[in-house]
PDB file of N, CA and C in Angstrom:
ATOM      1  N   UNK A   1     -10.341 -21.477  16.319  1.00  0.00           N
ATOM      2  CA  UNK A   1      -9.971 -21.340  14.874  1.00  0.00           C
ATOM      3  C   UNK A   1      -9.099 -20.168  14.855  1.00  0.00           C
ATOM      4  N   UNK A   2      -7.417 -20.196  14.617  1.00  0.00           N
ATOM      5  CA  UNK A   2      -7.202 -19.211  14.317  1.00  0.00           C
ATOM      6  C   UNK A   2      -6.667 -17.879  13.478  1.00  0.00           C
ATOM      7  N   UNK A   3      -6.971 -16.584  13.163  1.00  0.00           N
ATOM      8  CA  UNK A   3      -7.033 -15.998  12.168  1.00  0.00           C
ATOM      9  C   UNK A   3      -5.436 -16.333  11.350  1.00  0.00           C
ATOM     10  N   UNK A   4      -5.391 -16.073   9.588  1.00  0.00           N
ATOM     11  CA  UNK A   4      -4.547 -16.548   9.192  1.00  0.00           C
ATOM     12  C   UNK A   4      -4.206 -14.791   8.398  1.00  0.00           C
ATOM     13  N   UNK A   5      -3.326 -14.571   7.990  1.00  0.00           N
ATOM     14  CA  UNK A   5      -3.319 -13.734   7.158  1.00  0.00           C
ATOM     15  C   UNK A   5      -3.461 -14.123   5.509  1.00  0.00           C
ATOM     16  N   UNK A   6      -3.604 -13.534   4.478  1.00  0.00           N
ATOM     17  CA  UNK A   6      -3.727 -13.843   3.310  1.00  0.00           C
ATOM     18  C   UNK A   6      -2.271 -13.515   2.460  1.00  0.00           C
ATOM     19  N   UNK A   7      -2.298 -14.443   1.816  1.00  0.00           N
ATOM     20  CA  UNK A   7      -0.901 -14.847   1.086  1.00  0.00           C
ATOM     21  C   UNK A   7      -0.482 -13.126   0.362  1.00  0.00           C
ATOM     22  N   UNK A   8      -1.562 -12.670  -0.169  1.00  0.00           N
ATOM     23  CA  UNK A   8      -1.266 -11.489  -0.500  1.00  0.00           C
ATOM     24  C   UNK A   8      -0.462 -10.338   0.084  1.00  0.00           C
ATOM     25  N   UNK A   9      -0.658 -10.443   1.278  1.00  0.00           N
ATOM     26  CA  UNK A   9      -0.580  -9.366   2.218  1.00  0.00           C
ATOM     27  C   UNK A   9       0.761  -9.963   3.067  1.00  0.00           C
ATOM     28  N   UNK A  10       1.052 -11.275   3.352  1.00  0.00           N
ATOM     29  CA  UNK A  10       2.774 -11.340   3.340  1.00  0.00           C
ATOM     30  C   UNK A  10       3.202 -11.198   2.281  1.00  0.00           C
ATOM     31  N   UNK A  11       3.100 -11.511   0.985  1.00  0.00           N
ATOM     32  CA  UNK A  11       3.719 -10.895   0.379  1.00  0.00           C
ATOM     33  C   UNK A  11       4.190 -10.053   0.233  1.00  0.00           C
ATOM     34  N   UNK A  12       3.260  -9.162   0.314  1.00  0.00           N
ATOM     35  CA  UNK A  12       3.519  -7.518   0.408  1.00  0.00           C
ATOM     36  C   UNK A  12       4.560  -6.830   1.425  1.00  0.00           C
ATOM     37  N   UNK A  13       4.332  -7.757   2.247  1.00  0.00           N
ATOM     38  CA  UNK A  13       5.155  -7.005   3.723  1.00  0.00           C
ATOM     39  C   UNK A  13       6.513  -7.584   3.008  1.00  0.00           C
ATOM     40  N   UNK A  14       6.739  -8.964   2.746  1.00  0.00           N
ATOM     41  CA  UNK A  14       8.151  -9.222   2.607  1.00  0.00           C
ATOM     42  C   UNK A  14       8.594  -8.800   2.045  1.00  0.00           C
ATOM     43  N   UNK A  15       7.820  -8.140   0.567  1.00  0.00           N
ATOM     44  CA  UNK A  15       8.433  -7.260  -0.567  1.00  0.00           C
ATOM     45  C   UNK A  15       9.001  -6.365   0.118  1.00  0.00           C
ATOM     46  N   UNK A  16       8.099  -5.314   0.518  1.00  0.00           N
ATOM     47  CA  UNK A  16       8.259  -4.088   0.864  1.00  0.00           C
ATOM     48  C   UNK A  16       9.895  -3.990   2.185  1.00  0.00           C
ATOM     49  N   UNK A  17       9.600  -5.272   3.015  1.00  0.00           N
ATOM     50  CA  UNK A  17      11.074  -4.862   3.549  1.00  0.00           C
ATOM     51  C   UNK A  17      11.965  -5.442   3.268  1.00  0.00           C
ATOM     52  N   UNK A  18      12.328  -6.475   2.353  1.00  0.00           N
ATOM     53  CA  UNK A  18      13.506  -6.703   1.509  1.00  0.00           C
ATOM     54  C   UNK A  18      13.659  -5.145   0.203  1.00  0.00           C
ATOM     55  N   UNK A  19      12.304  -4.216   0.048  1.00  0.00           N
ATOM     56  CA  UNK A  19      12.658  -3.715  -0.850  1.00  0.00           C
ATOM     57  C   UNK A  19      13.686  -2.587   0.102  1.00  0.00           C
ATOM     58  N   UNK A  20      13.295  -2.153   0.991  1.00  0.00           N
ATOM     59  CA  UNK A  20      13.897  -1.376   1.850  1.00  0.00           C
ATOM     60  C   UNK A  20      15.584  -1.489   1.928  1.00  0.00           C
ATOM     61  N   UNK A  21      15.405  -2.983   2.664  1.00  0.00           N
ATOM     62  CA  UNK A  21      16.641  -2.916   3.286  1.00  0.00           C
ATOM     63  C   UNK A  21      18.221  -3.461   2.023  1.00  0.00           C
ATOM     64  N   UNK A  22      17.633  -4.374   1.325  1.00  0.00           N
ATOM     65  CA  UNK A  22      18.666  -3.774   0.806  1.00  0.00           C
ATOM     66  C   UNK A  22      18.402  -2.877  -0.654  1.00  0.00           C
ATOM     67  N   UNK A  23      18.075  -1.752  -0.754  1.00  0.00           N
ATOM     68  CA  UNK A  23      18.029  -0.344  -1.262  1.00  0.00           C
ATOM     69  C   UNK A  23      18.700   0.370  -0.719  1.00  0.00           C
ATOM     70  N   UNK A  24      18.317   0.714   0.581  1.00  0.00           N
ATOM     71  CA  UNK A  24      19.168   1.204   1.034  1.00  0.00           C
ATOM     72  C   UNK A  24      20.656   0.728   1.629  1.00  0.00           C
ATOM     73  N   UNK A  25      21.135  -0.739   1.750  1.00  0.00           N
ATOM     74  CA  UNK A  25      22.365  -1.367   1.412  1.00  0.00           C
ATOM     75  C   UNK A  25      22.925  -1.308   0.885  1.00  0.00           C
ATOM     76  N   UNK A  26      21.847  -1.405  -0.423  1.00  0.00           N
ATOM     77  CA  UNK A  26      22.918  -1.502  -1.513  1.00  0.00           C
ATOM     78  C   UNK A  26      23.889   0.464  -1.902  1.00  0.00           C
ATOM     79  N   UNK A  27      23.135   1.103  -1.601  1.00  0.00           N
ATOM     80  CA  UNK A  27      23.509   2.626  -1.652  1.00  0.00           C
ATOM     81  C   UNK A  27      24.398   2.830  -0.521  1.00  0.00           C
ATOM     82  N   UNK A  28      24.429   2.422   0.360  1.00  0.00           N
ATOM     83  CA  UNK A  28      25.662   2.563   1.243  1.00  0.00           C
ATOM     84  C   UNK A  28      26.487   1.241   0.836  1.00  0.00           C
ATOM     85  N   UNK A  29      26.242   0.582   0.746  1.00  0.00           N
ATOM     86  CA  UNK A  29      27.843  -0.138  -0.183  1.00  0.00           C
ATOM     87  C   UNK A  29      28.096   0.962  -1.462  1.00  0.00           C
ATOM     88  N   UNK A  30      27.710   0.936  -2.078  1.00  0.00           N
ATOM     89  CA  UNK A  30      28.274   1.358  -3.062  1.00  0.00           C
ATOM     90  C   UNK A  30      28.620   3.127  -3.447  1.00  0.00           C
ATOM     91  N   UNK A  31      28.413   3.831  -1.512  1.00  0.00           N
ATOM     92  CA  UNK A  31      29.145   4.568  -1.792  1.00  0.00           C
ATOM     93  C   UNK A  31      29.925   4.563  -1.252  1.00  0.00           C
ATOM     94  N   UNK A  32      30.489   3.226   0.038  1.00  0.00           N
ATOM     95  CA  UNK A  32      31.641   2.974   0.969  1.00  0.00           C
ATOM     96  C   UNK A  32      32.755   2.436  -0.679  1.00  0.00           C
ATOM     97  N   UNK A  33      32.113   1.567  -1.334  1.00  0.00           N
ATOM     98  CA  UNK A  33      33.017   1.527  -2.845  1.00  0.00           C
ATOM     99  C   UNK A  33      33.708   2.307  -2.952  1.00  0.00           C
ATOM    100  N   UNK A  34      32.634   3.495  -3.615  1.00  0.00           N
ATOM    101  CA  UNK A  34      33.501   4.294  -4.277  1.00  0.00           C
ATOM    102  C   UNK A  34      34.342   5.213  -3.560  1.00  0.00           C
ATOM    103  N   UNK A  35      34.123   5.355  -2.289  1.00  0.00           N
ATOM    104  CA  UNK A  35      35.222   5.891  -0.946  1.00  0.00           C
ATOM    105  C   UNK A  35      36.371   5.189  -1.131  1.00  0.00           C
ATOM    106  N   UNK A  36      36.243   3.467  -0.875  1.00  0.00           N
ATOM    107  CA  UNK A  36      37.687   3.440  -0.862  1.00  0.00           C
ATOM    108  C   UNK A  36      38.562   2.800  -1.997  1.00  0.00           C
ATOM    109  N   UNK A  37      37.963   2.411  -3.042  1.00  0.00           N
ATOM    110  CA  UNK A  37      38.533   1.923  -4.315  1.00  0.00           C
ATOM    111  C   UNK A  37      38.025   1.104  -5.079  1.00  0.00           C
ATOM    112  N   UNK A  38      37.144   0.050  -4.645  1.00  0.00           N
ATOM    113  CA  UNK A  38      36.328  -1.050  -4.293  1.00  0.00           C
ATOM    114  C   UNK A  38      35.574  -0.719  -5.930  1.00  0.00           C
ATOM    115  N   UNK A  39      36.172  -2.330  -6.552  1.00  0.00           N
ATOM    116  CA  UNK A  39      35.031  -2.126  -8.024  1.00  0.00           C
ATOM    117  C   UNK A  39      33.701  -2.586  -7.567  1.00  0.00           C
ATOM    118  N   UNK A  40      33.151  -2.277  -8.591  1.00  0.00           N
ATOM    119  CA  UNK A  40      31.286  -1.931  -8.557  1.00  0.00           C
ATOM    120  C   UNK A  40      30.516  -3.399  -8.760  1.00  0.00           C
ATOM    121  N   UNK A  41      31.382  -4.090  -9.785  1.00  0.00           N
ATOM    122  CA  UNK A  41      30.976  -5.404  -9.968  1.00  0.00           C
ATOM    123  C   UNK A  41      31.462  -6.526  -8.947  1.00  0.00           C
ATOM    124  N   UNK A  42      32.141  -6.107  -8.128  1.00  0.00           N
ATOM    125  CA  UNK A  42      32.505  -7.104  -6.711  1.00  0.00           C
ATOM    126  C   UNK A  42      31.056  -7.086  -5.814  1.00  0.00           C
ATOM    127  N   UNK A  43      30.999  -5.961  -5.822  1.00  0.00           N
ATOM    128  CA  UNK A  43      29.787  -4.890  -5.073  1.00  0.00           C
ATOM    129  C   UNK A  43      28.530  -5.571  -5.181  1.00  0.00           C
ATOM    130  N   UNK A  44      28.287  -5.755  -6.422  1.00  0.00           N
ATOM    131  CA  UNK A  44      27.320  -5.992  -6.760  1.00  0.00           C
ATOM    132  C   UNK A  44      26.850  -7.729  -6.758  1.00  0.00           C
ATOM    133  N   UNK A  45      27.870  -8.527  -6.939  1.00  0.00           N
ATOM    134  CA  UNK A  45      27.577 -10.017  -6.786  1.00  0.00           C
ATOM    135  C   UNK A  45      27.436  -9.919  -4.946  1.00  0.00           C
ATOM    136  N   UNK A  46      28.773  -9.424  -4.357  1.00  0.00           N
ATOM    137  CA  UNK A  46      28.202  -9.967  -2.844  1.00  0.00           C
ATOM    138  C   UNK A  46      26.662  -9.241  -2.457  1.00  0.00           C
ATOM    139  N   UNK A  47      26.467  -8.259  -3.032  1.00  0.00           N
ATOM    140  CA  UNK A  47      24.892  -8.464  -2.275  1.00  0.00           C
ATOM    141  C   UNK A  47      23.718  -9.366  -2.740  1.00  0.00           C
ATOM    142  N   UNK A  48      24.082  -9.609  -3.959  1.00  0.00           N
ATOM    143  CA  UNK A  48      23.286 -10.898  -5.207  1.00  0.00           C
ATOM    144  C   UNK A  48      23.361 -12.260  -3.387  1.00  0.00           C
ATOM    145  N   UNK A  49      24.614 -12.444  -3.435  1.00  0.00           N
ATOM    146  CA  UNK A  49      24.775 -13.127  -2.021  1.00  0.00           C
ATOM    147  C   UNK A  49      24.233 -12.985  -1.327  1.00  0.00           C
ATOM    148  N   UNK A  50      24.395 -11.561  -0.583  1.00  0.00           N
ATOM    149  CA  UNK A  50      23.651 -11.780   0.685  1.00  0.00           C
ATOM    150  C   UNK A  50      21.705 -11.892   0.092  1.00  0.00           C
ATOM    151  N   UNK A  51      21.363 -11.440  -0.940  1.00  0.00           N
ATOM    152  CA  UNK A  51      19.619 -11.877  -1.009  1.00  0.00           C
ATOM    153  C   UNK A  51      19.616 -13.093  -1.219  1.00  0.00           C
ATOM    154  N   UNK A  52      20.357 -14.595  -1.229  1.00  0.00           N
ATOM    155  CA  UNK A  52      20.023 -15.122  -1.722  1.00  0.00           C
ATOM    156  C   UNK A  52      20.099 -15.815  -0.335  1.00  0.00           C
ATOM    157  N   UNK A  53      21.459 -15.296   0.316  1.00  0.00           N
ATOM    158  CA  UNK A  53      21.374 -15.808   2.037  1.00  0.00           C
ATOM    159  C   UNK A  53      19.817 -15.442   3.040  1.00  0.00           C
ATOM    160  N   UNK A  54      19.280 -13.759   2.090  1.00  0.00           N
ATOM    161  CA  UNK A  54      18.315 -13.400   2.929  1.00  0.00           C
ATOM    162  C   UNK A  54      17.151 -14.432   3.030  1.00  0.00           C
ATOM    163  N   UNK A  55      16.987 -15.048   1.318  1.00  0.00           N
ATOM    164  CA  UNK A  55      15.630 -15.503   1.278  1.00  0.00           C
ATOM    165  C   UNK A  55      15.936 -17.420   1.423  1.00  0.00           C
ATOM    166  N   UNK A  56      16.967 -17.395   1.884  1.00  0.00           N
ATOM    167  CA  UNK A  56      17.368 -18.900   2.296  1.00  0.00           C
ATOM    168  C   UNK A  56      16.564 -19.771   3.348  1.00  0.00           C
ATOM    169  N   UNK A  57      16.003 -18.984   4.276  1.00  0.00           N
ATOM    170  CA  UNK A  57      15.254 -19.570   5.065  1.00  0.00           C
ATOM    171  C   UNK A  57      13.743 -20.263   4.640  1.00  0.00           C
ATOM    172  N   UNK A  58      13.017 -19.457   3.832  1.00  0.00           N
ATOM    173  CA  UNK A  58      11.965 -19.482   3.241  1.00  0.00           C
ATOM    174  C   UNK A  58      12.195 -20.676   2.153  1.00  0.00           C
ATOM    175  N   UNK A  59      12.492 -20.495   1.789  1.00  0.00           N
ATOM    176  CA  UNK A  59      13.057 -21.492   0.239  1.00  0.00           C
ATOM    177  C   UNK A  59      13.098 -22.701   1.278  1.00  0.00           C
ATOM    178  N   UNK A  60      14.282 -23.049   2.282  1.00  0.00           N
ATOM    179  CA  UNK A  60      13.967 -24.146   3.095  1.00  0.00           C
ATOM    180  C   UNK A  60      13.256 -24.237   3.456  1.00  0.00           C
ATOM    181  N   UNK A  61      12.045 -23.984   3.839  1.00  0.00           N
ATOM    182  CA  UNK A  61      10.570 -24.284   4.399  1.00  0.00           C
ATOM    183  C   UNK A  61       9.927 -24.486   3.565  1.00  0.00           C
ATOM    184  N   UNK A  62      10.072 -24.126   2.146  1.00  0.00           N
ATOM    185  CA  UNK A  62       9.536 -24.839   0.944  1.00  0.00           C
ATOM    186  C   UNK A  62       9.979 -26.115   0.032  1.00  0.00           C
ATOM    187  N   UNK A  63      10.779 -25.966   0.829  1.00  0.00           N
ATOM    188  CA  UNK A  63      11.347 -27.521  -0.255  1.00  0.00           C
ATOM    189  C   UNK A  63      11.359 -28.683   0.696  1.00  0.00           C
ATOM    190  N   UNK A  64      11.507 -28.724   1.773  1.00  0.00           N
ATOM    191  CA  UNK A  64      11.059 -29.314   2.954  1.00  0.00           C
ATOM    192  C   UNK A  64       9.399 -29.437   2.912  1.00  0.00           C
ATOM    193  N   UNK A  65       9.188 -28.740   3.645  1.00  0.00           N
ATOM    194  CA  UNK A  65       7.438 -28.584   3.762  1.00  0.00           C
ATOM    195  C   UNK A  65       6.603 -28.624   3.057  1.00  0.00           C
ATOM    196  N   UNK A  66       6.789 -29.134   1.881  1.00  0.00           N
ATOM    197  CA  UNK A  66       5.908 -28.971   0.309  1.00  0.00           C
ATOM    198  C   UNK A  66       4.634 -28.534   0.662  1.00  0.00           C
ATOM    199  N   UNK A  67       3.513 -29.379   1.544  1.00  0.00           N
ATOM    200  CA  UNK A  67       2.314 -29.283   1.769  1.00  0.00           C
ATOM    201  C   UNK A  67       2.017 -28.696   2.883  1.00  0.00           C
ATOM    202  N   UNK A  68       2.408 -27.847   4.065  1.00  0.00           N
ATOM    203  CA  UNK A  68       2.450 -27.377   4.868  1.00  0.00           C
ATOM    204  C   UNK A  68       3.154 -25.593   5.276  1.00  0.00           C
ATOM    205  N   UNK A  69       3.794 -25.356   3.859  1.00  0.00           N
ATOM    206  CA  UNK A  69       4.327 -24.322   3.679  1.00  0.00           C
ATOM    207  C   UNK A  69       3.584 -23.108   2.823  1.00  0.00           C
ATOM    208  N   UNK A  70       2.228 -22.702   3.063  1.00  0.00           N
ATOM    209  CA  UNK A  70       1.505 -21.643   2.135  1.00  0.00           C
ATOM    210  C   UNK A  70       2.451 -20.518   2.593  1.00  0.00           C
ATOM    211  N   UNK A  71       2.573 -20.649   3.516  1.00  0.00           N
ATOM    212  CA  UNK A  71       3.048 -18.941   4.348  1.00  0.00           C
ATOM    213  C   UNK A  71       4.601 -18.768   3.965  1.00  0.00           C
ATOM    214  N   UNK A  72       5.333 -19.501   3.845  1.00  0.00           N
ATOM    215  CA  UNK A  72       6.658 -19.202   3.509  1.00  0.00           C
ATOM    216  C   UNK A  72       6.610 -19.436   2.375  1.00  0.00           C
ATOM    217  N   UNK A  73       6.059 -19.938   1.065  1.00  0.00           N
ATOM    218  CA  UNK A  73       5.851 -19.673  -0.260  1.00  0.00           C
ATOM    219  C   UNK A  73       5.641 -18.307  -0.734  1.00  0.00           C
ATOM    220  N   UNK A  74       4.367 -17.847   0.179  1.00  0.00           N
ATOM    221  CA  UNK A  74       4.430 -16.138  -0.178  1.00  0.00           C
ATOM    222  C   UNK A  74       5.744 -15.886   0.492  1.00  0.00           C
ATOM    223  N   UNK A  75       6.250 -15.889   1.293  1.00  0.00           N
ATOM    224  CA  UNK A  75       7.142 -14.823   2.048  1.00  0.00           C
ATOM    225  C   UNK A  75       8.413 -14.960   1.316  1.00  0.00           C
ATOM    226  N   UNK A  76       8.541 -16.112   0.731  1.00  0.00           N
ATOM    227  CA  UNK A  76       9.688 -16.238  -0.501  1.00  0.00           C
ATOM    228  C   UNK A  76       9.710 -15.677  -1.236  1.00  0.00           C
ATOM    229  N   UNK A  77       8.438 -15.578  -2.168  1.00  0.00           N
ATOM    230  CA  UNK A  77       7.706 -15.134  -3.159  1.00  0.00           C
ATOM    231  C   UNK A  77       8.121 -13.270  -3.418  1.00  0.00           C
ATOM    232  N   UNK A  78       7.779 -13.029  -1.890  1.00  0.00           N
ATOM    233  CA  UNK A  78       8.104 -11.463  -1.709  1.00  0.00           C
ATOM    234  C   UNK A  78       8.867 -10.945  -1.616  1.00  0.00           C
ATOM    235  N   UNK A  79      10.393 -12.066  -0.624  1.00  0.00           N
ATOM    236  CA  UNK A  79      11.477 -11.419  -0.464  1.00  0.00           C
ATOM    237  C   UNK A  79      12.123 -11.425  -1.674  1.00  0.00           C
ATOM    238  N   UNK A  80      11.748 -12.294  -2.637  1.00  0.00           N
ATOM    239  CA  UNK A  80      12.171 -12.333  -4.168  1.00  0.00           C
ATOM    240  C   UNK A  80      12.433 -11.423  -5.219  1.00  0.00           C
ATOM    241  N   UNK A  81      11.125 -11.005  -4.984  1.00  0.00           N
ATOM    242  CA  UNK A  81      10.658  -9.513  -5.364  1.00  0.00           C
ATOM    243  C   UNK A  81      11.475  -8.553  -4.908  1.00  0.00           C
ATOM    244  N   UNK A  82      11.306  -8.280  -4.153  1.00  0.00           N
ATOM    245  CA  UNK A  82      11.632  -7.257  -2.766  1.00  0.00           C
ATOM    246  C   UNK A  82      13.198  -6.724  -3.087  1.00  0.00           C
ATOM    247  N   UNK A  83      14.115  -7.907  -3.464  1.00  0.00           N
ATOM    248  CA  UNK A  83      15.548  -8.007  -3.158  1.00  0.00           C
ATOM    249  C   UNK A  83      15.848  -7.821  -4.974  1.00  0.00           C
ATOM    250  N   UNK A  84      15.078  -8.792  -5.827  1.00  0.00           N
ATOM    251  CA  UNK A  84      15.504  -8.342  -6.984  1.00  0.00           C
ATOM    252  C   UNK A  84      14.982  -6.583  -8.008  1.00  0.00           C
ATOM    253  N   UNK A  85      14.172  -5.916  -6.977  1.00  0.00           N
ATOM    254  CA  UNK A  85      14.041  -4.824  -7.650  1.00  0.00           C
ATOM    255  C   UNK A  85      14.376  -3.692  -6.834  1.00  0.00           C
ATOM    256  N   UNK A  86      15.261  -4.340  -5.786  1.00  0.00           N
ATOM    257  CA  UNK A  86      16.188  -3.399  -5.150  1.00  0.00           C
ATOM    258  C   UNK A  86      17.296  -3.246  -5.495  1.00  0.00           C
ATOM    259  N   UNK A  87      17.559  -4.442  -5.816  1.00  0.00           N
ATOM    260  CA  UNK A  87      19.358  -4.914  -6.655  1.00  0.00           C
ATOM    261  C   UNK A  87      18.994  -4.161  -7.994  1.00  0.00           C
ATOM    262  N   UNK A  88      18.134  -4.452  -8.672  1.00  0.00           N
ATOM    263  CA  UNK A  88      17.897  -3.754  -9.719  1.00  0.00           C
ATOM    264  C   UNK A  88      17.774  -2.009 -10.052  1.00  0.00           C
ATOM    265  N   UNK A  89      16.734  -1.666  -9.212  1.00  0.00           N
ATOM    266  CA  UNK A  89      17.021   0.400  -9.284  1.00  0.00           C
ATOM    267  C   UNK A  89      18.067   0.737  -8.249  1.00  0.00           C
ATOM    268  N   UNK A  90      18.125   0.287  -6.996  1.00  0.00           N
ATOM    269  CA  UNK A  90      19.939   0.899  -6.496  1.00  0.00           C
ATOM    270  C   UNK A  90      20.774   1.511  -7.306  1.00  0.00           C
ATOM    271  N   UNK A  91      21.939   0.801  -8.143  1.00  0.00           N
ATOM    272  CA  UNK A  91      22.587   1.214  -9.252  1.00  0.00           C
ATOM    273  C   UNK A  91      22.272   2.082 -10.051  1.00  0.00           C
ATOM    274  N   UNK A  92      21.069   2.613 -10.380  1.00  0.00           N
ATOM    275  CA  UNK A  92      20.566   3.966 -10.968  1.00  0.00           C
ATOM    276  C   UNK A  92      20.835   4.864  -9.629  1.00  0.00           C
ATOM    277  N   UNK A  93      20.123   4.492  -8.880  1.00  0.00           N
ATOM    278  CA  UNK A  93      20.230   5.661  -7.721  1.00  0.00           C
ATOM    279  C   UNK A  93      21.770   6.333  -7.600  1.00  0.00           C
ATOM    280  N   UNK A  94      22.175   4.981  -7.269  1.00  0.00           N
ATOM    281  CA  UNK A  94      23.842   5.009  -6.999  1.00  0.00           C
ATOM    282  C   UNK A  94      24.348   6.126  -8.147  1.00  0.00           C
ATOM    283  N   UNK A  95      24.373   5.447  -9.339  1.00  0.00           N
ATOM    284  CA  UNK A  95      24.625   5.922 -10.431  1.00  0.00           C
ATOM    285  C   UNK A  95      24.214   7.934 -10.279  1.00  0.00           C
ATOM    286  N   UNK A  96      22.936   8.047 -10.373  1.00  0.00           N
ATOM    287  CA  UNK A  96      22.471   9.499 -10.015  1.00  0.00           C
ATOM    288  C   UNK A  96      23.321  10.209  -9.035  1.00  0.00           C
ATOM    289  N   UNK A  97      23.564   9.644  -7.976  1.00  0.00           N
ATOM    290  CA  UNK A  97      23.482  10.326  -6.693  1.00  0.00           C
ATOM    291  C   UNK A  97      25.663  10.403  -7.335  1.00  0.00           C
ATOM    292  N   UNK A  98      26.212   9.606  -7.824  1.00  0.00           N
ATOM    293  CA  UNK A  98      27.774   9.740  -8.326  1.00  0.00           C
ATOM    294  C   UNK A  98      28.725   8.750  -7.608  1.00  0.00           C
ATOM    295  N   UNK A  99      27.979   7.519  -7.269  1.00  0.00           N
ATOM    296  CA  UNK A  99      28.845   6.434  -6.685  1.00  0.00           C
ATOM    297  C   UNK A  99      29.556   5.623  -7.208  1.00  0.00           C
ATOM    298  N   UNK A 100      28.574   5.751  -8.301  1.00  0.00           N
ATOM    299  CA  UNK A 100      29.012   4.367  -9.752  1.00  0.00           C
ATOM    300  C   UNK A 100      29.390   4.912 -11.567  1.00  0.00           C
TER     301      UNK A 100
END
């Protein structure tokens, strides 16, 4: 029998990955927006859309394979939590850095 990772490990790995990816990209996006004179609300909406696209494969798995998507559900929860935390905290850091 194959060994499986527990759900909490899958969830934590997905959350940390999404947190790092979207946190760093959101700060870089704020710096570019500041440099080029773009409006920050537009950048925020773009990153929310990117977060939805980032979570879409697991959402598709959960919706189409309800009975066998245990790992996909945990990964979806982790990605959604990581994206939400990153997109909430990154503007605070961007403001402290003077980009917003």
